[in-house]
């Protein structure tokens, strides 16, 4: 009966509202085994008197008290531990039909938000009452919620009838409770298959009528504890990063569209100016270079591309996964292990993708260059344009077609849009006895490309 009562209390509180699911531990500050004695639930400022004919088992009941033996409790220590785990401040015995009343206290986000029922208007009290009416979509649980008058603060009285736990039978439960100083106090009577009798209800009302609240506190100003502040800060940072990322992508997309149109117009003008001399470079030949796009060169480029130019997305993805895991853990839903595993898998996959991005790029380029007639590119850099031959058909390009230039220890990388990059090896400039070819070519590129050269 006792185990069944605790399980039912949890179900009822969950049906009523989520506030009774976030339990904190409370203890009783005074012994209250005998009728006429009183006990105070810790930090609630509420003291109640045990009516005649019943006895209260509390946290302060001594382990050698005869009440334990009377209740057939073999291990008072285990029973006290069970009460703590179930968030039960006291159990009241001796009611008609051997029913047991459990006294509990809870502090939740909702209770802290309302803080005191005396603060609510009539309309808000009605809304609160309606939220207490028990029901389930399958119709197996129903009941009523009414107000019970008390000289200090409103108490609610919730009647529950449910067929969810007993096959072909209805079970009955009644809960009296109130909310003040940010906490909810409940007196829960589960009576099994028998309706709540007037005698049992009188015991409950005696508890409520005897309740004395020593102090009502002012609702504290809104504040965040360090953990909440950290969580809000992380969420704020994540939001800022997401907004910045979205805005940056919009700006970049617009700029790219504008640049492409501008590039198309300039190329049209360039080809018009070259009409009849499509194979002739303009000006003197300044540099000539032969570079083989070998697998080794491609692998070097793949690593550079992954870890220097495109590092933002994998790093951002990993950070996002870490932030989400942090938020889930701080939110107290870490028991959902599948969510944590999924997020950890997402983070691990992001790390893996970032570490193998260079290899993925290299494999793609190896297939591209493998389909060409030759992997050796011969570059002719004239005063006003340049020629590329060897890889495919020989073609001339104006310098403004180079959209970006990057330099590493061994190479210059000439980017022509997002999908085409040519390698120019520094030690393969013809006509230079030392490494001065690369230095002079760097200066030449800066003159020709200005902002693109890095």
Protein backbone atom coordinates (compact mmCIF):
# COMPACT_ATOMS: atom_id res chain seq x y z
CA UNK A 1 0.00 0.00 0.00
CA UNK A 2 2.79 2.44 0.90
CA UNK A 3 4.78 1.80 -2.26
CA UNK A 4 1.65 2.08 -4.34
CA UNK A 5 0.82 5.39 -2.66
CA UNK A 6 4.19 6.96 -3.45
CA UNK A 7 4.02 5.84 -7.08
CA UNK A 8 0.54 7.25 -7.44
CA UNK A 9 1.56 10.55 -5.85
CA UNK A 10 4.25 10.96 -8.48
CA UNK A 11 1.76 10.22 -11.25
CA UNK A 12 -0.78 12.68 -9.86
CA UNK A 13 1.70 15.48 -9.48
CA UNK A 14 2.89 14.91 -13.04
CA UNK A 15 -0.70 15.00 -14.31
CA UNK A 16 -1.43 18.21 -12.44
CA UNK A 17 1.56 20.25 -13.55
CA UNK A 18 5.26 19.85 -14.15
CA UNK A 19 6.11 21.90 -11.10
CA UNK A 20 5.85 18.90 -8.80
CA UNK A 21 8.48 16.92 -10.68
CA UNK A 22 11.54 18.98 -9.75
CA UNK A 23 12.00 17.92 -6.14
CA UNK A 24 14.31 19.34 -3.54
CA UNK A 25 15.08 17.67 -0.23
CA UNK A 26 13.33 18.85 2.90
CA UNK A 27 13.41 17.73 6.51
CA UNK A 28 11.24 18.33 9.56
CA UNK A 29 12.56 20.56 12.31
CA UNK A 30 10.59 19.14 15.24
CA UNK A 31 9.38 15.72 16.32
CA UNK A 32 5.67 15.19 15.65
CA UNK A 33 4.86 11.59 16.44
CA UNK A 34 2.02 12.26 18.88
CA UNK A 35 -1.36 13.96 18.33
CA UNK A 36 -1.32 17.59 19.38
CA UNK A 37 2.32 18.04 18.46
CA UNK A 38 3.34 20.21 15.49
CA UNK A 39 6.06 20.05 12.87
CA UNK A 40 7.53 22.61 10.51
CA UNK A 41 8.63 21.77 6.99
CA UNK A 42 12.10 23.18 6.53
CA UNK A 43 12.33 26.58 4.83
CA UNK A 44 8.59 26.80 4.20
CA UNK A 45 7.72 28.74 7.36
CA UNK A 46 4.65 26.48 7.64
CA UNK A 47 3.83 24.70 10.89
CA UNK A 48 0.95 22.21 11.15
CA UNK A 49 -0.55 20.40 14.14
CA UNK A 50 -1.22 16.66 14.15
CA UNK A 51 -4.95 16.12 14.85
CA UNK A 52 -6.30 13.64 17.38
CA UNK A 53 -6.49 10.02 16.30
CA UNK A 54 -3.54 10.05 13.87
CA UNK A 55 0.25 9.94 14.10
CA UNK A 56 2.96 11.53 11.99
CA UNK A 57 6.18 9.86 10.88
CA UNK A 58 8.75 12.57 10.23
CA UNK A 59 12.44 12.94 9.51
CA UNK A 60 13.08 13.70 13.17
CA UNK A 61 11.30 10.63 14.50
CA UNK A 62 13.90 8.82 16.59
CA UNK A 63 14.97 5.41 15.36
CA UNK A 64 14.06 3.81 18.71
CA UNK A 65 10.53 5.23 18.67
CA UNK A 66 7.83 2.48 18.99
CA UNK A 67 6.02 4.02 15.99
CA UNK A 68 8.47 2.32 13.59
CA UNK A 69 7.60 -1.10 15.00
CA UNK A 70 3.91 -0.22 15.06
CA UNK A 71 4.12 0.56 11.33
CA UNK A 72 6.03 -2.68 10.67
CA UNK A 73 9.13 -0.77 9.50
CA UNK A 74 12.09 -3.14 9.90
CA UNK A 75 14.76 -0.55 9.05
CA UNK A 76 14.02 3.02 10.14
CA UNK A 77 17.19 4.18 8.38
CA UNK A 78 16.10 2.69 5.03
CA UNK A 79 12.62 4.16 5.47
CA UNK A 80 14.05 7.63 6.22
CA UNK A 81 16.28 7.36 3.14
CA UNK A 82 13.28 6.34 1.06
CA UNK A 83 11.34 9.36 2.29
CA UNK A 84 14.20 11.65 1.30
CA UNK A 85 14.43 10.04 -2.15
CA UNK A 86 10.67 10.43 -2.61
CA UNK A 87 10.74 14.03 -1.30
CA UNK A 88 8.32 13.18 1.52
CA UNK A 89 8.62 15.45 4.54
CA UNK A 90 6.11 13.46 6.61
CA UNK A 91 3.68 10.55 6.44
CA UNK A 92 0.43 10.67 8.38
CA UNK A 93 -1.03 7.36 9.60
CA UNK A 94 -4.24 6.36 11.39
CA UNK A 95 -6.79 7.59 8.86
CA UNK A 96 -9.97 5.57 8.12
CA UNK A 97 -9.27 2.67 5.79
CA UNK A 98 -5.55 2.68 6.58
CA UNK A 99 -4.96 5.48 4.06
CA UNK A 100 -1.72 7.45 4.33
CA UNK A 101 -1.24 11.19 3.81
CA UNK A 102 2.14 12.27 2.42
CA UNK A 103 3.38 15.81 3.00
CA UNK A 104 5.78 17.15 0.36
CA UNK A 105 7.41 20.44 -0.57
CA UNK A 106 8.74 21.41 -4.00
CA UNK A 107 10.48 24.39 -5.53
CA UNK A 108 10.20 24.76 -9.30
CA UNK A 109 10.57 27.42 -11.94
CA UNK A 110 6.80 27.91 -11.95
CA UNK A 111 6.55 28.18 -8.17
CA UNK A 112 9.42 30.65 -8.08
CA UNK A 113 7.73 32.65 -10.82
CA UNK A 114 4.34 32.87 -9.02
CA UNK A 115 6.05 32.95 -5.63
CA UNK A 116 2.87 33.54 -3.58
CA UNK A 117 -0.79 32.81 -4.35
CA UNK A 118 -1.69 35.96 -2.43
CA UNK A 119 0.01 37.94 -5.20
CA UNK A 120 -2.41 36.69 -7.87
CA UNK A 121 -5.51 38.51 -9.05
CA UNK A 122 -8.88 36.75 -9.18
CA UNK A 123 -8.40 36.09 -12.90
CA UNK A 124 -4.91 34.65 -12.34
CA UNK A 125 -6.18 32.46 -9.49
CA UNK A 126 -8.88 31.08 -11.78
CA UNK A 127 -6.31 30.36 -14.47
CA UNK A 128 -4.11 28.64 -11.87
CA UNK A 129 -7.07 26.52 -10.67
CA UNK A 130 -7.96 25.45 -14.19
CA UNK A 131 -4.36 24.35 -14.67
CA UNK A 132 -4.74 21.97 -11.72
CA UNK A 133 -7.76 20.09 -13.09
CA UNK A 134 -6.49 16.54 -13.71
CA UNK A 135 -7.19 14.85 -17.01
CA UNK A 136 -5.56 12.67 -19.64
CA UNK A 137 -6.30 12.54 -23.35
CA UNK A 138 -7.35 8.87 -23.13
CA UNK A 139 -10.02 9.75 -20.55
CA UNK A 140 -8.62 7.35 -17.94
CA UNK A 141 -7.89 10.19 -15.50
CA UNK A 142 -10.24 12.99 -14.52
CA UNK A 143 -11.29 15.06 -11.57
CA UNK A 144 -11.87 18.53 -10.19
CA UNK A 145 -9.89 21.38 -8.67
CA UNK A 146 -11.45 23.81 -6.19
CA UNK A 147 -10.27 26.41 -3.70
CA UNK A 148 -10.31 25.76 0.05
CA UNK A 149 -10.47 28.82 2.28
CA UNK A 150 -7.72 29.55 4.79
CA UNK A 151 -7.26 32.71 6.80
CA UNK A 152 -3.70 33.32 5.57
CA UNK A 153 -3.54 32.03 1.99
CA UNK A 154 -5.68 30.14 -0.54
CA UNK A 155 -5.36 26.34 -0.54
CA UNK A 156 -6.34 24.25 -3.54
CA UNK A 157 -8.14 20.92 -3.29
CA UNK A 158 -7.70 18.52 -6.21
CA UNK A 159 -9.84 15.38 -6.52
CA UNK A 160 -8.57 12.67 -8.84
CA UNK A 161 -10.30 9.60 -10.22
CA UNK A 162 -8.16 7.37 -12.39
CA UNK A 163 -8.44 3.96 -14.02
CA UNK A 164 -4.89 4.08 -15.37
CA UNK A 165 -3.32 2.03 -12.56
CA UNK A 166 -6.07 -0.45 -11.70
CA UNK A 167 -7.58 -2.73 -14.32
CA UNK A 168 -11.38 -2.51 -14.40
CA UNK A 169 -11.37 -0.26 -11.34
CA UNK A 170 -11.16 3.40 -10.40
CA UNK A 171 -8.73 4.70 -7.77
CA UNK A 172 -9.25 7.87 -5.76
CA UNK A 173 -6.89 10.56 -4.56
CA UNK A 174 -7.23 14.00 -2.95
CA UNK A 175 -4.53 16.65 -2.70
CA UNK A 176 -4.64 19.82 -0.64
CA UNK A 177 -1.89 22.35 -1.21
CA UNK A 178 -0.76 25.92 -1.47
CA UNK A 179 2.07 28.00 -2.87
CA UNK A 180 4.05 30.67 -1.00
CA UNK A 181 7.61 31.94 -0.71
CA UNK A 182 8.38 30.25 -4.02
CA UNK A 183 7.46 26.72 -2.86
CA UNK A 184 4.50 24.35 -3.18
CA UNK A 185 3.34 22.39 -0.12
CA UNK A 186 1.01 19.42 -0.72
CA UNK A 187 -0.95 17.03 1.52
CA UNK A 188 -1.69 13.97 -0.61
CA UNK A 189 -4.23 11.31 0.36
CA UNK A 190 -4.38 8.18 -1.83
CA UNK A 191 -7.33 5.93 -0.96
CA UNK A 192 -7.09 3.15 -3.53
CA UNK A 193 -10.39 1.82 -4.91
CA UNK A 194 -12.48 3.43 -2.17
CA UNK A 195 -13.82 6.99 -2.57
CA UNK A 196 -12.44 9.54 -0.13
CA UNK A 197 -14.63 9.40 2.99
CA UNK A 198 -15.82 12.42 4.91
CA UNK A 199 -13.85 11.19 7.96
CA UNK A 200 -10.59 11.03 5.99
CA UNK A 201 -11.24 14.40 4.42
CA UNK A 202 -11.85 15.85 7.88
CA UNK A 203 -8.33 14.80 8.88
CA UNK A 204 -6.93 16.58 5.85
CA UNK A 205 -8.96 19.70 6.59
CA UNK A 206 -7.74 19.63 10.19
CA UNK A 207 -4.17 19.79 8.92
CA UNK A 208 -5.00 22.67 6.61
CA UNK A 209 -6.97 24.57 9.24
CA UNK A 210 -4.09 24.23 11.72
CA UNK A 211 -1.47 25.44 9.22
CA UNK A 212 0.31 28.59 10.36
CA UNK A 213 2.69 30.45 8.08
CA UNK A 214 5.17 32.39 10.19
CA UNK A 215 6.40 34.77 7.48
CA UNK A 216 5.66 35.78 3.91
CA UNK A 217 8.67 37.02 1.98
CA UNK A 218 8.85 39.56 -0.80
CA UNK A 219 9.45 38.06 -4.19
CA UNK A 220 13.19 38.43 -4.86
CA UNK A 221 14.38 40.48 -7.78
CA UNK A 222 15.27 38.52 -10.88
CA UNK A 223 18.82 37.22 -10.72
CA UNK A 224 20.89 34.43 -12.19
CA UNK A 225 23.12 32.08 -10.27
CA UNK A 226 26.61 31.42 -11.73
CA UNK A 227 25.44 28.29 -13.55
CA UNK A 228 22.43 30.04 -15.09
CA UNK A 229 24.55 33.05 -15.99
CA UNK A 230 27.05 30.83 -17.75
CA UNK A 231 24.29 29.03 -19.62
CA UNK A 232 22.67 32.31 -20.70
CA UNK A 233 26.06 33.68 -21.74
CA UNK A 234 26.80 30.59 -23.84
CA UNK A 235 23.35 30.76 -25.43
CA UNK A 236 23.83 34.47 -26.14
CA UNK A 237 27.23 33.85 -27.70
CA UNK A 238 25.81 31.02 -29.79
CA UNK A 239 22.96 33.24 -30.96
CA UNK A 240 25.36 36.06 -31.89
CA UNK A 241 27.58 33.64 -33.80
CA UNK A 242 24.64 32.19 -35.70
CA UNK A 243 23.29 35.63 -36.59
CA UNK A 244 26.76 36.81 -37.62
CA UNK A 245 27.24 33.67 -39.71
CA UNK A 246 23.89 34.13 -41.48
CA UNK A 247 24.51 37.83 -42.13
CA UNK A 248 28.04 37.14 -43.36
CA UNK A 249 26.76 34.52 -45.79
CA UNK A 250 24.11 36.89 -47.12
CA UNK A 251 26.66 39.67 -47.57
CA UNK A 252 29.18 37.34 -49.22
CA UNK A 253 26.53 35.90 -51.56
CA UNK A 254 25.48 39.37 -52.68
CA UNK A 255 29.08 40.42 -53.18
CA UNK A 256 29.88 37.27 -55.15
CA UNK A 257 26.89 37.84 -57.40
CA UNK A 258 27.96 41.42 -58.01
CA UNK A 259 31.59 40.40 -58.60
CA UNK A 260 30.59 37.69 -61.07
CA UNK A 261 28.62 40.14 -63.15
CA UNK A 262 31.45 42.63 -63.02
CA UNK A 263 33.92 39.92 -64.00
CA UNK A 264 31.75 38.79 -66.92
CA UNK A 265 31.60 42.36 -68.27
CA UNK A 266 35.37 42.83 -67.95
CA UNK A 267 36.08 39.48 -69.63
CA UNK A 268 33.78 40.36 -72.51
CA UNK A 269 35.67 43.62 -73.00
CA UNK A 270 39.02 41.81 -72.75
CA UNK A 271 38.09 39.18 -75.38
CA UNK A 272 36.81 41.92 -77.66
CA UNK A 273 40.17 43.70 -77.38
CA UNK A 274 42.01 40.45 -78.23
CA UNK A 275 39.99 39.75 -81.33
CA UNK A 276 42.35 38.56 -84.07
CA UNK A 277 45.22 38.00 -81.62
CA UNK A 278 43.75 35.46 -79.27
CA UNK A 279 47.06 33.58 -79.01
CA UNK A 280 49.33 36.60 -78.47
CA UNK A 281 50.32 37.79 -75.03
CA UNK A 282 50.30 41.55 -74.45
CA UNK A 283 53.68 43.05 -73.63
CA UNK A 284 57.00 41.47 -72.84
CA UNK A 285 57.36 37.99 -71.40
CA UNK A 286 58.32 38.62 -67.78
CA UNK A 287 58.25 35.14 -66.22
CA UNK A 288 58.05 31.53 -67.35
CA UNK A 289 57.36 28.65 -64.99
CA UNK A 290 56.78 24.91 -65.27
CA UNK A 291 54.92 23.21 -62.43
CA UNK A 292 53.83 19.59 -62.24
CA UNK A 293 50.50 19.04 -60.47
CA UNK A 294 51.70 15.79 -58.95
CA UNK A 295 49.84 13.85 -56.25
CA UNK A 296 52.33 15.17 -53.72
CA UNK A 297 51.68 18.77 -54.82
CA UNK A 298 47.93 18.14 -54.70
CA UNK A 299 48.15 16.71 -51.17
CA UNK A 300 50.11 19.78 -50.00
CA UNK A 301 47.42 22.02 -51.52
CA UNK A 302 44.64 19.95 -49.95
CA UNK A 303 46.09 20.45 -46.47
CA UNK A 304 46.55 24.18 -47.08
CA UNK A 305 43.02 24.53 -48.38
CA UNK A 306 41.52 22.62 -45.44
CA UNK A 307 43.55 24.05 -42.56
CA UNK A 308 44.12 27.60 -43.71
CA UNK A 309 41.35 28.76 -46.01
CA UNK A 310 38.35 26.62 -45.04
CA UNK A 311 38.91 26.03 -41.33
CA UNK A 312 35.99 28.12 -40.07
CA UNK A 313 33.14 25.70 -40.79
CA UNK A 314 34.61 22.56 -39.14
CA UNK A 315 35.76 24.55 -36.12
CA UNK A 316 32.36 26.26 -35.87
CA UNK A 317 30.60 22.90 -36.14
CA UNK A 318 32.69 21.37 -33.36
CA UNK A 319 32.15 24.41 -31.12
CA UNK A 320 28.41 24.26 -31.81
CA UNK A 321 28.29 20.61 -30.76
CA UNK A 322 30.24 21.36 -27.56
CA UNK A 323 27.94 24.28 -26.72
CA UNK A 324 24.80 22.20 -27.25
CA UNK A 325 26.18 19.40 -25.05
CA UNK A 326 26.96 21.98 -22.36
CA UNK A 327 23.44 23.41 -22.52
CA UNK A 328 21.81 19.96 -22.41
CA UNK A 329 23.91 19.00 -19.38
CA UNK A 330 23.22 22.27 -17.55
CA UNK A 331 19.51 22.05 -18.32
CA UNK A 332 19.29 18.90 -16.23
CA UNK A 333 18.25 16.56 -19.04
CA UNK A 334 21.52 14.66 -19.18
CA UNK A 335 19.53 11.51 -18.32
CA UNK A 336 18.52 11.46 -21.96
CA UNK A 337 21.68 9.53 -22.77
CA UNK A 338 20.74 9.08 -26.41
CA UNK A 339 20.81 12.85 -26.89
CA UNK A 340 24.26 13.12 -25.33
CA UNK A 341 25.52 10.20 -27.43
CA UNK A 342 24.09 11.77 -30.59
CA UNK A 343 25.72 15.12 -29.84
CA UNK A 344 29.04 13.49 -28.98
CA UNK A 345 28.81 11.56 -32.24
CA UNK A 346 28.08 14.79 -34.08
CA UNK A 347 31.10 16.47 -32.45
CA UNK A 348 33.33 13.45 -33.19
CA UNK A 349 32.15 13.41 -36.81
CA UNK A 350 32.90 17.14 -37.13
CA UNK A 351 36.41 16.63 -35.76
CA UNK A 352 36.91 13.72 -38.13
CA UNK A 353 35.70 15.75 -41.11
CA UNK A 354 37.99 18.65 -40.23
CA UNK A 355 41.00 16.35 -39.80
CA UNK A 356 40.35 14.52 -43.07
CA UNK A 357 39.21 17.52 -45.12
CA UNK A 358 42.62 17.92 -46.71
CA UNK A 359 42.65 14.30 -47.84
CA UNK A 360 39.13 14.64 -49.26
CA UNK A 361 40.11 17.72 -51.28
CA UNK A 362 43.26 15.98 -52.54
CA UNK A 363 41.34 12.91 -53.72
CA UNK A 364 38.91 15.08 -55.67
CA UNK A 365 41.72 17.01 -57.37
CA UNK A 366 43.63 13.81 -58.16
CA UNK A 367 40.61 12.59 -60.12
CA UNK A 368 40.34 15.95 -61.92
CA UNK A 369 44.00 16.18 -62.91
CA UNK A 370 44.12 12.47 -63.67
CA UNK A 371 41.65 13.04 -66.51
CA UNK A 372 43.82 15.75 -68.15
CA UNK A 373 46.25 15.06 -70.98
CA UNK A 374 49.17 16.23 -68.87
CA UNK A 375 49.79 17.29 -65.28
CA UNK A 376 52.52 19.76 -66.19
CA UNK A 377 51.40 23.36 -66.51
CA UNK A 378 53.61 25.85 -68.36
CA UNK A 379 52.95 29.49 -67.42
CA UNK A 380 53.90 32.52 -69.52
CA UNK A 381 53.46 35.78 -67.61
CA UNK A 382 53.40 38.81 -69.89
CA UNK A 383 53.05 42.45 -68.95
CA UNK A 384 49.27 42.53 -69.33
CA UNK A 385 48.06 38.90 -69.40
CA UNK A 386 49.30 35.32 -68.99
CA UNK A 387 49.07 32.00 -70.80
CA UNK A 388 48.57 28.51 -69.36
CA UNK A 389 49.38 25.48 -71.51
CA UNK A 390 49.96 21.80 -70.94
CA UNK A 391 47.06 20.87 -68.69
CA UNK A 392 44.48 21.48 -71.39
CA UNK A 393 44.29 23.61 -74.50
CA UNK A 394 46.50 26.70 -74.34
CA UNK A 395 44.59 29.77 -73.20
CA UNK A 396 45.20 33.41 -72.36
CA UNK A 397 43.84 35.11 -69.25
CA UNK A 398 43.87 38.72 -68.07
CA UNK A 399 45.35 39.26 -64.61
CA UNK A 400 42.06 40.58 -63.24
CA UNK A 401 40.64 37.06 -63.74
CA UNK A 402 42.78 35.95 -60.78
CA UNK A 403 40.37 36.46 -57.89
CA UNK A 404 42.79 35.56 -55.12
CA UNK A 405 46.45 34.70 -54.57
CA UNK A 406 47.98 32.83 -51.64
CA UNK A 407 51.60 31.97 -50.91
CA UNK A 408 53.05 29.06 -48.96
CA UNK A 409 56.63 27.95 -48.41
CA UNK A 410 56.78 26.12 -51.75
CA UNK A 411 53.98 27.51 -53.92
CA UNK A 412 52.01 30.45 -55.17
CA UNK A 413 48.35 29.50 -55.54
CA UNK A 414 46.42 31.39 -58.20
CA UNK A 415 42.66 31.22 -57.59
CA UNK A 416 40.36 31.84 -60.54
CA UNK A 417 36.95 31.76 -58.93
CA UNK A 418 35.85 29.18 -56.37
CA UNK A 419 36.50 26.06 -58.42
CA UNK A 420 39.82 26.58 -60.17
CA UNK A 421 43.27 26.92 -58.60
CA UNK A 422 46.65 26.75 -60.33
CA UNK A 423 49.91 25.87 -58.58
CA UNK A 424 53.06 27.86 -59.35
CA UNK A 425 56.12 26.25 -57.75
CA UNK A 426 58.59 28.80 -56.46
CA UNK A 427 61.78 27.01 -57.54
CA UNK A 428 60.61 26.35 -61.14
CA UNK A 429 60.97 29.85 -62.63
CA UNK A 430 63.10 29.67 -65.74
CA UNK A 431 65.98 32.07 -66.39
CA UNK A 432 66.83 32.69 -62.74
CA UNK A 433 70.01 31.20 -61.31
CA UNK A 434 68.82 31.41 -57.68
CA UNK A 435 65.59 31.89 -55.74
CA UNK A 436 65.23 35.46 -56.90
CA UNK A 437 62.59 34.38 -59.41
CA UNK A 438 60.03 33.81 -56.67
CA UNK A 439 60.85 37.13 -54.98
CA UNK A 440 60.55 39.08 -58.23
CA UNK A 441 57.36 37.23 -59.16
CA UNK A 442 55.85 38.13 -55.77
CA UNK A 443 56.59 41.81 -56.42
CA UNK A 444 55.15 41.49 -59.92
CA UNK A 445 51.93 39.95 -58.60
CA UNK A 446 51.51 42.70 -56.02
CA UNK A 447 51.76 45.30 -58.78
CA UNK A 448 49.28 43.49 -61.01
CA UNK A 449 46.79 42.24 -58.46
CA UNK A 450 47.07 44.68 -55.55
CA UNK A 451 44.33 43.56 -53.11
CA UNK A 452 44.25 39.93 -54.27
CA UNK A 453 47.92 39.26 -53.42
CA UNK A 454 48.49 38.10 -49.85
